[in-house]
């Protein structure tokens, strides 16, 4: 079960904060969040690992 706190941490994070925590560039995070890019499984896993959320939950948040 995913913690609501973890999900809220992700939702409230800026692109820069996500980038700093995951090592993914700010521009790539921005393109993913705006829907211009579909993230790779590797990128999804990096975000999920850092924020403690599941891939399906992240994909739903991203509208995928």
PDB file of N, CA and C in Angstrom:
ATOM      1  N   UNK A   1       0.840  -1.184   0.000  1.00  0.00           N
ATOM      2  CA  UNK A   1       0.000   0.000   0.000  1.00  0.00           C
ATOM      3  C   UNK A   1       0.884   1.246   0.000  1.00  0.00           C
ATOM      4  N   UNK A   2       0.525   2.209  -0.797  1.00  0.00           N
ATOM      5  CA  UNK A   2       1.296   3.438  -0.934  1.00  0.00           C
ATOM      6  C   UNK A   2       0.830   4.454   0.094  1.00  0.00           C
ATOM      7  N   UNK A   3       1.781   5.099   0.696  1.00  0.00           N
ATOM      8  CA  UNK A   3       1.476   6.122   1.686  1.00  0.00           C
ATOM      9  C   UNK A   3       0.936   7.380   1.004  1.00  0.00           C
ATOM     10  N   UNK A   4      -0.136   7.921   1.545  1.00  0.00           N
ATOM     11  CA  UNK A   4      -0.684   9.175   1.032  1.00  0.00           C
ATOM     12  C   UNK A   4       0.335  10.292   1.163  1.00  0.00           C
ATOM     13  N   UNK A   5       1.125  10.268   2.229  1.00  0.00           N
ATOM     14  CA  UNK A   5       2.154  11.277   2.433  1.00  0.00           C
ATOM     15  C   UNK A   5       3.161  11.254   1.284  1.00  0.00           C
ATOM     16  N   UNK A   6       3.591  10.060   0.864  1.00  0.00           N
ATOM     17  CA  UNK A   6       4.549   9.952  -0.235  1.00  0.00           C
ATOM     18  C   UNK A   6       3.972  10.523  -1.518  1.00  0.00           C
ATOM     19  N   UNK A   7       2.733  10.182  -1.808  1.00  0.00           N
ATOM     20  CA  UNK A   7       2.078  10.685  -3.010  1.00  0.00           C
ATOM     21  C   UNK A   7       1.951  12.204  -2.930  1.00  0.00           C
ATOM     22  N   UNK A   8       1.560  12.717  -1.781  1.00  0.00           N
ATOM     23  CA  UNK A   8       1.430  14.168  -1.607  1.00  0.00           C
ATOM     24  C   UNK A   8       2.770  14.864  -1.751  1.00  0.00           C
ATOM     25  N   UNK A   9       3.842  14.233  -1.269  1.00  0.00           N
ATOM     26  CA  UNK A   9       5.181  14.805  -1.437  1.00  0.00           C
ATOM     27  C   UNK A   9       5.503  14.972  -2.918  1.00  0.00           C
ATOM     28  N   UNK A  10       5.187  13.972  -3.710  1.00  0.00           N
ATOM     29  CA  UNK A  10       5.443  14.046  -5.147  1.00  0.00           C
ATOM     30  C   UNK A  10       4.602  15.136  -5.792  1.00  0.00           C
ATOM     31  N   UNK A  11       3.319  15.148  -5.502  1.00  0.00           N
ATOM     32  CA  UNK A  11       2.405  16.113  -6.120  1.00  0.00           C
ATOM     33  C   UNK A  11       2.806  17.549  -5.789  1.00  0.00           C
ATOM     34  N   UNK A  12       3.291  17.777  -4.581  1.00  0.00           N
ATOM     35  CA  UNK A  12       3.660  19.126  -4.147  1.00  0.00           C
ATOM     36  C   UNK A  12       5.063  19.542  -4.591  1.00  0.00           C
ATOM     37  N   UNK A  13       5.859  18.612  -5.100  1.00  0.00           N
ATOM     38  CA  UNK A  13       7.240  18.903  -5.481  1.00  0.00           C
ATOM     39  C   UNK A  13       7.303  19.713  -6.770  1.00  0.00           C
ATOM     40  N   UNK A  14       8.268  20.614  -6.827  1.00  0.00           N
ATOM     41  CA  UNK A  14       8.530  21.357  -8.064  1.00  0.00           C
ATOM     42  C   UNK A  14       9.353  20.469  -8.989  1.00  0.00           C
ATOM     43  N   UNK A  15       9.434  20.855 -10.234  1.00  0.00           N
ATOM     44  CA  UNK A  15      10.249  20.109 -11.188  1.00  0.00           C
ATOM     45  C   UNK A  15      11.705  20.066 -10.726  1.00  0.00           C
ATOM     46  N   UNK A  16      12.185  21.155 -10.167  1.00  0.00           N
ATOM     47  CA  UNK A  16      13.566  21.213  -9.671  1.00  0.00           C
ATOM     48  C   UNK A  16      13.763  20.249  -8.503  1.00  0.00           C
ATOM     49  N   UNK A  17      12.798  20.182  -7.607  1.00  0.00           N
ATOM     50  CA  UNK A  17      12.906  19.258  -6.468  1.00  0.00           C
ATOM     51  C   UNK A  17      12.911  17.804  -6.941  1.00  0.00           C
ATOM     52  N   UNK A  18      12.044  17.481  -7.886  1.00  0.00           N
ATOM     53  CA  UNK A  18      12.023  16.116  -8.422  1.00  0.00           C
ATOM     54  C   UNK A  18      13.354  15.807  -9.092  1.00  0.00           C
ATOM     55  N   UNK A  19      13.858  16.751  -9.852  1.00  0.00           N
ATOM     56  CA  UNK A  19      15.145  16.583 -10.528  1.00  0.00           C
ATOM     57  C   UNK A  19      16.269  16.348  -9.527  1.00  0.00           C
ATOM     58  N   UNK A  20      16.317  17.160  -8.492  1.00  0.00           N
ATOM     59  CA  UNK A  20      17.372  17.018  -7.484  1.00  0.00           C
ATOM     60  C   UNK A  20      17.307  15.672  -6.782  1.00  0.00           C
ATOM     61  N   UNK A  21      16.117  15.178  -6.540  1.00  0.00           N
ATOM     62  CA  UNK A  21      15.952  13.914  -5.818  1.00  0.00           C
ATOM     63  C   UNK A  21      16.189  12.693  -6.698  1.00  0.00           C
ATOM     64  N   UNK A  22      15.945  12.817  -8.015  1.00  0.00           N
ATOM     65  CA  UNK A  22      16.034  11.658  -8.903  1.00  0.00           C
ATOM     66  C   UNK A  22      17.234  11.664  -9.838  1.00  0.00           C
ATOM     67  N   UNK A  23      17.826  12.827 -10.064  1.00  0.00           N
ATOM     68  CA  UNK A  23      18.926  12.919 -11.019  1.00  0.00           C
ATOM     69  C   UNK A  23      18.460  13.071 -12.463  1.00  0.00           C
ATOM     70  N   UNK A  24      17.160  13.199 -12.658  1.00  0.00           N
ATOM     71  CA  UNK A  24      16.591  13.417 -13.987  1.00  0.00           C
ATOM     72  C   UNK A  24      16.575  14.919 -14.241  1.00  0.00           C
ATOM     73  N   UNK A  25      16.933  15.336 -15.447  1.00  0.00           N
ATOM     74  CA  UNK A  25      17.038  16.773 -15.717  1.00  0.00           C
ATOM     75  C   UNK A  25      15.698  17.480 -15.537  1.00  0.00           C
ATOM     76  N   UNK A  26      15.780  18.748 -15.151  1.00  0.00           N
ATOM     77  CA  UNK A  26      14.574  19.564 -14.960  1.00  0.00           C
ATOM     78  C   UNK A  26      13.784  19.648 -16.265  1.00  0.00           C
ATOM     79  N   UNK A  27      14.479  19.814 -17.377  1.00  0.00           N
ATOM     80  CA  UNK A  27      13.771  19.939 -18.658  1.00  0.00           C
ATOM     81  C   UNK A  27      13.029  18.648 -19.008  1.00  0.00           C
ATOM     82  N   UNK A  28      13.626  17.506 -18.700  1.00  0.00           N
ATOM     83  CA  UNK A  28      12.955  16.235 -18.983  1.00  0.00           C
ATOM     84  C   UNK A  28      11.736  16.062 -18.075  1.00  0.00           C
ATOM     85  N   UNK A  29      11.894  16.394 -16.800  1.00  0.00           N
ATOM     86  CA  UNK A  29      10.753  16.339 -15.867  1.00  0.00           C
ATOM     87  C   UNK A  29       9.636  17.242 -16.374  1.00  0.00           C
ATOM     88  N   UNK A  30       9.987  18.440 -16.802  1.00  0.00           N
ATOM     89  CA  UNK A  30       8.997  19.395 -17.286  1.00  0.00           C
ATOM     90  C   UNK A  30       8.248  18.853 -18.503  1.00  0.00           C
ATOM     91  N   UNK A  31       8.979  18.246 -19.439  1.00  0.00           N
ATOM     92  CA  UNK A  31       8.338  17.687 -20.642  1.00  0.00           C
ATOM     93  C   UNK A  31       7.419  16.520 -20.293  1.00  0.00           C
ATOM     94  N   UNK A  32       7.822  15.704 -19.304  1.00  0.00           N
ATOM     95  CA  UNK A  32       6.974  14.591 -18.867  1.00  0.00           C
ATOM     96  C   UNK A  32       5.697  15.125 -18.230  1.00  0.00           C
ATOM     97  N   UNK A  33       5.852  16.084 -17.326  1.00  0.00           N
ATOM     98  CA  UNK A  33       4.698  16.625 -16.593  1.00  0.00           C
ATOM     99  C   UNK A  33       3.731  17.371 -17.504  1.00  0.00           C
ATOM    100  N   UNK A  34       4.234  17.961 -18.576  1.00  0.00           N
ATOM    101  CA  UNK A  34       3.367  18.691 -19.498  1.00  0.00           C
ATOM    102  C   UNK A  34       2.733  17.780 -20.545  1.00  0.00           C
ATOM    103  N   UNK A  35       3.168  16.515 -20.581  1.00  0.00           N
ATOM    104  CA  UNK A  35       2.613  15.578 -21.541  1.00  0.00           C
ATOM    105  C   UNK A  35       3.321  15.559 -22.880  1.00  0.00           C
ATOM    106  N   UNK A  36       4.422  16.307 -22.994  1.00  0.00           N
ATOM    107  CA  UNK A  36       5.176  16.337 -24.250  1.00  0.00           C
ATOM    108  C   UNK A  36       6.015  15.084 -24.456  1.00  0.00           C
ATOM    109  N   UNK A  37       6.341  14.391 -23.389  1.00  0.00           N
ATOM    110  CA  UNK A  37       7.146  13.169 -23.450  1.00  0.00           C
ATOM    111  C   UNK A  37       6.505  12.082 -22.605  1.00  0.00           C
ATOM    112  N   UNK A  38       6.654  10.862 -23.057  1.00  0.00           N
ATOM    113  CA  UNK A  38       6.240   9.705 -22.272  1.00  0.00           C
ATOM    114  C   UNK A  38       7.495   9.166 -21.603  1.00  0.00           C
ATOM    115  N   UNK A  39       7.481   9.028 -20.284  1.00  0.00           N
ATOM    116  CA  UNK A  39       8.688   8.582 -19.588  1.00  0.00           C
ATOM    117  C   UNK A  39       8.982   7.108 -19.844  1.00  0.00           C
ATOM    118  N   UNK A  40      10.266   6.781 -19.848  1.00  0.00           N
ATOM    119  CA  UNK A  40      10.677   5.384 -19.965  1.00  0.00           C
ATOM    120  C   UNK A  40      10.384   4.668 -18.648  1.00  0.00           C
ATOM    121  N   UNK A  41      10.416   3.355 -18.680  1.00  0.00           N
ATOM    122  CA  UNK A  41      10.229   2.573 -17.462  1.00  0.00           C
ATOM    123  C   UNK A  41      11.328   2.927 -16.463  1.00  0.00           C
ATOM    124  N   UNK A  42      12.537   3.124 -16.949  1.00  0.00           N
ATOM    125  CA  UNK A  42      13.664   3.507 -16.086  1.00  0.00           C
ATOM    126  C   UNK A  42      13.375   4.817 -15.351  1.00  0.00           C
ATOM    127  N   UNK A  43      12.842   5.798 -16.056  1.00  0.00           N
ATOM    128  CA  UNK A  43      12.504   7.092 -15.455  1.00  0.00           C
ATOM    129  C   UNK A  43      11.378   6.935 -14.440  1.00  0.00           C
ATOM    130  N   UNK A  44      10.362   6.178 -14.808  1.00  0.00           N
ATOM    131  CA  UNK A  44       9.256   5.933 -13.878  1.00  0.00           C
ATOM    132  C   UNK A  44       9.760   5.268 -12.600  1.00  0.00           C
ATOM    133  N   UNK A  45      10.623   4.269 -12.754  1.00  0.00           N
ATOM    134  CA  UNK A  45      11.165   3.559 -11.587  1.00  0.00           C
ATOM    135  C   UNK A  45      11.977   4.494 -10.695  1.00  0.00           C
ATOM    136  N   UNK A  46      12.751   5.391 -11.303  1.00  0.00           N
ATOM    137  CA  UNK A  46      13.568   6.323 -10.513  1.00  0.00           C
ATOM    138  C   UNK A  46      12.688   7.239  -9.668  1.00  0.00           C
ATOM    139  N   UNK A  47      11.627   7.752 -10.266  1.00  0.00           N
ATOM    140  CA  UNK A  47      10.711   8.636  -9.537  1.00  0.00           C
ATOM    141  C   UNK A  47       9.987   7.852  -8.445  1.00  0.00           C
ATOM    142  N   UNK A  48       9.500   6.673  -8.796  1.00  0.00           N
ATOM    143  CA  UNK A  48       8.765   5.842  -7.822  1.00  0.00           C
ATOM    144  C   UNK A  48       9.648   5.457  -6.643  1.00  0.00           C
ATOM    145  N   UNK A  49      10.871   5.080  -6.926  1.00  0.00           N
ATOM    146  CA  UNK A  49      11.791   4.687  -5.860  1.00  0.00           C
ATOM    147  C   UNK A  49      12.039   5.854  -4.902  1.00  0.00           C
ATOM    148  N   UNK A  50      12.267   7.011  -5.458  1.00  0.00           N
ATOM    149  CA  UNK A  50      12.582   8.180  -4.622  1.00  0.00           C
ATOM    150  C   UNK A  50      11.392   8.633  -3.783  1.00  0.00           C
ATOM    151  N   UNK A  51      10.197   8.538  -4.343  1.00  0.00           N
ATOM    152  CA  UNK A  51       9.010   9.035  -3.641  1.00  0.00           C
ATOM    153  C   UNK A  51       8.188   7.941  -2.957  1.00  0.00           C
ATOM    154  N   UNK A  52       8.570   6.686  -3.157  1.00  0.00           N
ATOM    155  CA  UNK A  52       7.860   5.599  -2.494  1.00  0.00           C
ATOM    156  C   UNK A  52       6.446   5.392  -2.991  1.00  0.00           C
ATOM    157  N   UNK A  53       6.247   5.599  -4.295  1.00  0.00           N
ATOM    158  CA  UNK A  53       4.936   5.362  -4.897  1.00  0.00           C
ATOM    159  C   UNK A  53       5.058   4.231  -5.912  1.00  0.00           C
ATOM    160  N   UNK A  54       3.938   3.664  -6.320  1.00  0.00           N
ATOM    161  CA  UNK A  54       3.911   2.573  -7.289  1.00  0.00           C
ATOM    162  C   UNK A  54       3.787   3.142  -8.703  1.00  0.00           C
ATOM    163  N   UNK A  55       4.309   2.394  -9.688  1.00  0.00           N
ATOM    164  CA  UNK A  55       4.269   2.848 -11.079  1.00  0.00           C
ATOM    165  C   UNK A  55       2.837   3.134 -11.560  1.00  0.00           C
ATOM    166  N   UNK A  56       1.856   2.257 -11.307  1.00  0.00           N
ATOM    167  CA  UNK A  56       0.493   2.576 -11.777  1.00  0.00           C
ATOM    168  C   UNK A  56      -0.050   3.891 -11.197  1.00  0.00           C
ATOM    169  N   UNK A  57       0.275   4.148  -9.936  1.00  0.00           N
ATOM    170  CA  UNK A  57      -0.170   5.386  -9.298  1.00  0.00           C
ATOM    171  C   UNK A  57       0.483   6.598  -9.960  1.00  0.00           C
ATOM    172  N   UNK A  58       1.784   6.497 -10.253  1.00  0.00           N
ATOM    173  CA  UNK A  58       2.496   7.593 -10.918  1.00  0.00           C
ATOM    174  C   UNK A  58       1.940   7.803 -12.322  1.00  0.00           C
ATOM    175  N   UNK A  59       1.704   6.724 -13.037  1.00  0.00           N
ATOM    176  CA  UNK A  59       1.167   6.852 -14.395  1.00  0.00           C
ATOM    177  C   UNK A  59      -0.198   7.522 -14.379  1.00  0.00           C
ATOM    178  N   UNK A  60      -1.020   7.179 -13.407  1.00  0.00           N
ATOM    179  CA  UNK A  60      -2.341   7.823 -13.294  1.00  0.00           C
ATOM    180  C   UNK A  60      -2.166   9.323 -13.044  1.00  0.00           C
ATOM    181  N   UNK A  61      -1.249   9.674 -12.149  1.00  0.00           N
ATOM    182  CA  UNK A  61      -0.970  11.077 -11.862  1.00  0.00           C
ATOM    183  C   UNK A  61      -0.515  11.827 -13.124  1.00  0.00           C
ATOM    184  N   UNK A  62       0.295  11.145 -13.952  1.00  0.00           N
ATOM    185  CA  UNK A  62       0.805  11.759 -15.176  1.00  0.00           C
ATOM    186  C   UNK A  62      -0.208  11.735 -16.315  1.00  0.00           C
ATOM    187  N   UNK A  63      -1.329  11.052 -16.094  1.00  0.00           N
ATOM    188  CA  UNK A  63      -2.356  10.977 -17.129  1.00  0.00           C
ATOM    189  C   UNK A  63      -2.024   9.992 -18.233  1.00  0.00           C
ATOM    190  N   UNK A  64      -1.257   8.966 -17.901  1.00  0.00           N
ATOM    191  CA  UNK A  64      -0.851   7.957 -18.896  1.00  0.00           C
ATOM    192  C   UNK A  64      -1.732   6.731 -18.821  1.00  0.00           C
TER     193      UNK A  64
END
